[in-house]
Amino acid sequence: MNLSRLLPRAGLGALALSMLSLVAFAQDRNTDGRNTAERPAAKAADGAAAGSAARPALSVRVVAPELIDLPIRINANGNIAAWQEAIIGAEAAGLRLAQVNVNVGDRVRAGQVLASFAADTLQAELAQARAALAEAQAALSDARANAERARVIQASGALSAQQVAQLLTGEKTAEARVAAAEAQVNVHQVRLAHTRVLAPDHGTISARAATLGQVAQPGQELFRLIRGDRLEWRAEVTSAEIARVKPGQSVSVVSATGARAAGTVRIVAPTVDAQTRNALVYVDLPAAAAQEGAFKAGMFASGEFVLGSSQALTVPQAALSLRDGFSYVFAVSPDDRVSQIKVQVGRRLGERVEVSGVSASSRLVASGAAFLSEGDRVRVIP
């Protein structure tokens, strides 16, 4: 059946509009359904972004830089050496070393016998010299008696003037021979004494070249002795800082083993090395440092010269953050946001570090700065 015939044209138009409206409504419902499903996820994402922006990055405590007295120090390096190292040599010539009594590391006292040479030859020569002395003394007694008789009878004319002069001259000659014989005895006694090698001072044997049975030559080194067990630290100080070092100043010296000793500046060298531009400073170390073995001659050591003290602005070590080779601190603003500040570090005392680049009124993050970035928001713990 044809609808166009049953319905008027106006009715057909109204029916067409109604069908179009139903199609549009169905499409709109489908669209709203999809939007309704997607809308909660979008709202959740927006809420998370807003919450992330408002949430603090870290809970921190704040500190203010503190003004304290810090010691003024000069750091230096150098070697430890013996204050004086005595060289003990042989004074006897052509004698065999018969006894060696000490070794390296032994502590000796002044006058102690370190070694002995065979003295048989010298003892025989000494006995011969003493016999010659006795003969000269006997000749002197006879010459004195003759000279005395000549003086008595000189006035009587029994002896000529020439004879009297000969007798008086014989007395003086005999006296000279006795003196020469006594000198020879003394020489042999000295040579015999040199067969015993004695320690010139108390201290520690640092080297030994003496070997049993060797025939030593005059001046040949046998032992080396650290006099008085005294050690010194020879610090190398730059020419720019040497003028600030004075004799009598205290020095803290740290050996390669980590041991620490308190020394005293004894001498400041009058010249500066032309190659290194450094000057030597001689620092006396306490005797206990050498006796305990923590400091030994030839050992490397570092130290600090204490020149006084001055006030400086300091922060805790934990407040510093090292980035790209530079030191930074983080300042907290009134709105609890942080800003990164580059600082210069200086002297240290325990956990305190001298800084420049911040003011005493700054509020700085006490610790955890490594986890912060410029502009982060933090929660300040009271």
Foldseek 3Di string as FASTA:
>chain_A
DDVPVVDDPVVVVVVVVVVVVVVVVVVVVVVVVVCVVCVVVVVVVVVVVVVVVVDFPAEFAWDFWDKDKDFDKDKWKFFKAFPDKDFFAAAAAQWWWAFADDAAFDWDFFFDFGTFTDCPVLVVQLVVLVVQLVVLVVQLVVLVVQLVVCVVCVVVPPDDPVVNVVSVVSNVVSVVSNVVSVVSNVVSVVSSVSRTGTHRGTFGWHDAPDDHGDGGHHPHTGTMGRHPLKMKTWTWAAPVCLVLDDFFFWKWKAFPVRDIFIWTFHDWDPDADPPPNTTITIITTDSVCSVVPVGDGGTMMMMMTGRGIDIATKAFQQQWDADPNFIWWWFQDPQQWTAIWTWDWDDDDVRIIGIPGDDSPTITGRHDPNSDDHGGGYHHDD
